[in-house]
Amino acid sequence: MFLDHVSVDVIVDHVPARLWPILGDPESYPRFFAGISDCERVAGRTTYLLRFEPAAGTVVEWEVRALMSRNADKLVLTRVSDATSWVSVQLSPLGGGRCTISVLLFNPRYSLAGEDRSTGRVGDRRIRAWVRAGIRRICAHLAREPGRQLADGSNRVSRTLRVARIAGASGLVRPGSPARMTRQLWALVRWRATLVGGYVAAAARDPAAIALASAGERRTYGELDHRTDRIAAGLFELGVRADDTVGVLAGNSVGMVESVLACGKLGATTVVVNTTLAEPQLAAAVSGLGVTTLIRDDALTPMARYLPDGIRQFSSTTEAGSPGAVSIGELAAREPRGRLPLAGRAGQLILAPPGRGDISKGARSPTVGALSGVAGLLSRIPLHVGARMLIAAPAFHPCGMAALRLGAALRATMVLRLRFEPEGCLRTAAEHRCGVLVALPAMLRRILDLPPAVREQYDLSDLRIVASGGAALSAAFVEEFRNTFGDILYSLYGSTAASCATVADPVDLRAAPTTAGRPVLGTRVHVVDHHGNAVPYGDTGRIVIGNGMTGDGDTGGRSQQIRESLVATGDIGYIDANGRLFVAGNERSSHHVT
């Protein structure tokens, strides 16, 4: 039945003073009351913007005002646009460390599950159950009971079935030539689910598909496979061996990708170096990581002047000649002498520096499961085989390298720009009719800062997905991006060592703009204390993740593993009552870990 008011009284084993920091602070409600997805103070001390989720995919925003807030006693909230709808929370001490929580909802037009479409009201039984569930979570928090952890919600059998459905729907698995399918599987057996394995398998399955497009250059997957075989042979003839460490210092380009793949085929450890380092930092990174050979963009040659003596240098240009160094273009044009010296397995791939900490150490890029890892991302982002992807995020960043991996698995056309420039990025996306843009938040900020007249020159009607990771997104940024480009933003969260763990899709970002989202298929997300134990409901702690895609820590030998195959991301955060992860900061800059 539906009433003009609903009252709920709950006796709890806590005094008002302990309950008030939560019940007296509406901004904490999303941590404990499912259905309230977000709450932020918007005006002074008394007005809040509340976001509700009445049903999957639906988000309602209400502005509410605190009419009364007496410390450890009573809170009254009313909807700004409808003063006839309000809620009060009264705390009455009972003695003996107990109190009664009295919740009164008058004219409860709250958009929660169970709303009557004709009246806009919610059934009183549902309201009472919802209030009691929230209070139980608050009491569990105060009693220091372990809170919820996140997983994709499937067991091994159902997860396998979901992987199969996703693979079929996205085109990852589809009928084809038996000979090509055999070569594709053999490539994955030989090279495993590495970056090299992804591109060689794609070449075996669809050699004529365009793999890379950059600055007027194009490479099919077949051409890429053939050329990188020759480049690997040429590097070997000039002294590069499987036990060497090769640095690649180049922006996103065909030459950069060919260099990384060729080194991987040789079995050498490949370090993708941050192109924004200062010259002394580059020298420190190269020395600390034991780089013996450097393949660099000709435009970045001045950065290499402080490098130690004895480091071999090659040019990443795909042209036949380069001043001062042999180019990979020259190596690709040579006929190999005898059998290609390819390793039995791909060399290790390292991103350096990983973005935090010592620049002389790198983070090992994880090996992603051939099908399950890709399906995990596709469970949260609706990508398809043959997509056109503009990868603006640099390859030395985990976001950019993940896109290069994923693109190969999808046999996508990956469009690259050597250097990021906001208007140029839009121009390239329009010219190539890209359906996907992968960019860092700072890049998207620069695109939004363009004058509207400049942005509107470019037809981006094909753009359906903008994937971004590497930094937190503010609520204001998310709203501005949505208003400018529509509901196409996907926020990715993870780490270099453990790949992508959660994704906030457009629905998540409407409901809670600052969330890191929900786990991808096959991923667990825990929030723990310094001992690796789960923190109480609503508490902030260390974020640890596990998904079978974890790397081996950094090159300094430090592992980030906590327990049960869980790896620390280096961040702190919390999980709300709706099953979303929120990042509150990083461990280095915060001591707020339970």
Foldseek 3Di string as FASTA:
>chain_A
DDDQKAKEKDKDQAALQLVCVQVLDVQLQQLQFPQFQGWDADDDDFKIWTWGDLDPLDIDIFIKGWPDRDRSAKTKIATPVDRQWIKMWGWADDDPRMTMTMIMTGRALDSHHQQDPVRSHHDNVVVNVRVVRSVVQSNLQVVFHFDDWAAPPDDPVVLVVLLVVLCVVQVLDDDDDPQLQVQLVVLCVQANQDLLSLLSSLCSNPQQFWAEDEPRDTHGSVRLVLLLLLLLLLVVVVPDALAAEEEEQFWDDSLSSSVLNSNQQRNHEYEDEDNPDALVLVQLQCVLLRHQEYEYALVSVVSPPPHDPRRHYAYSDLDCDDPPHGYSVVSSPDDRDPDRNTDSYTYWYWQAPAPDDDRNKTWTAFRAHLRSRLQLVCQFPVHHAAAEEEEQATCSYLQSVVVSSNCSSSSYYYYYYRHDDQLVSLVVCQVVVGQEYEDEPVSVVNNLPDPPVSNVVGDNVNHQAYEYEDDWDDLVRLVSCCVNPNQHYKYFDDGSFAHTFAIQHSSNCVSPVRFNHHGGHQKIWAFDFPLRHRTRRSAKHWIWMARPGGHQTMPVRDFQDRDPRIGTRQFIWHARPNRITGTDGGPVVDPRHD
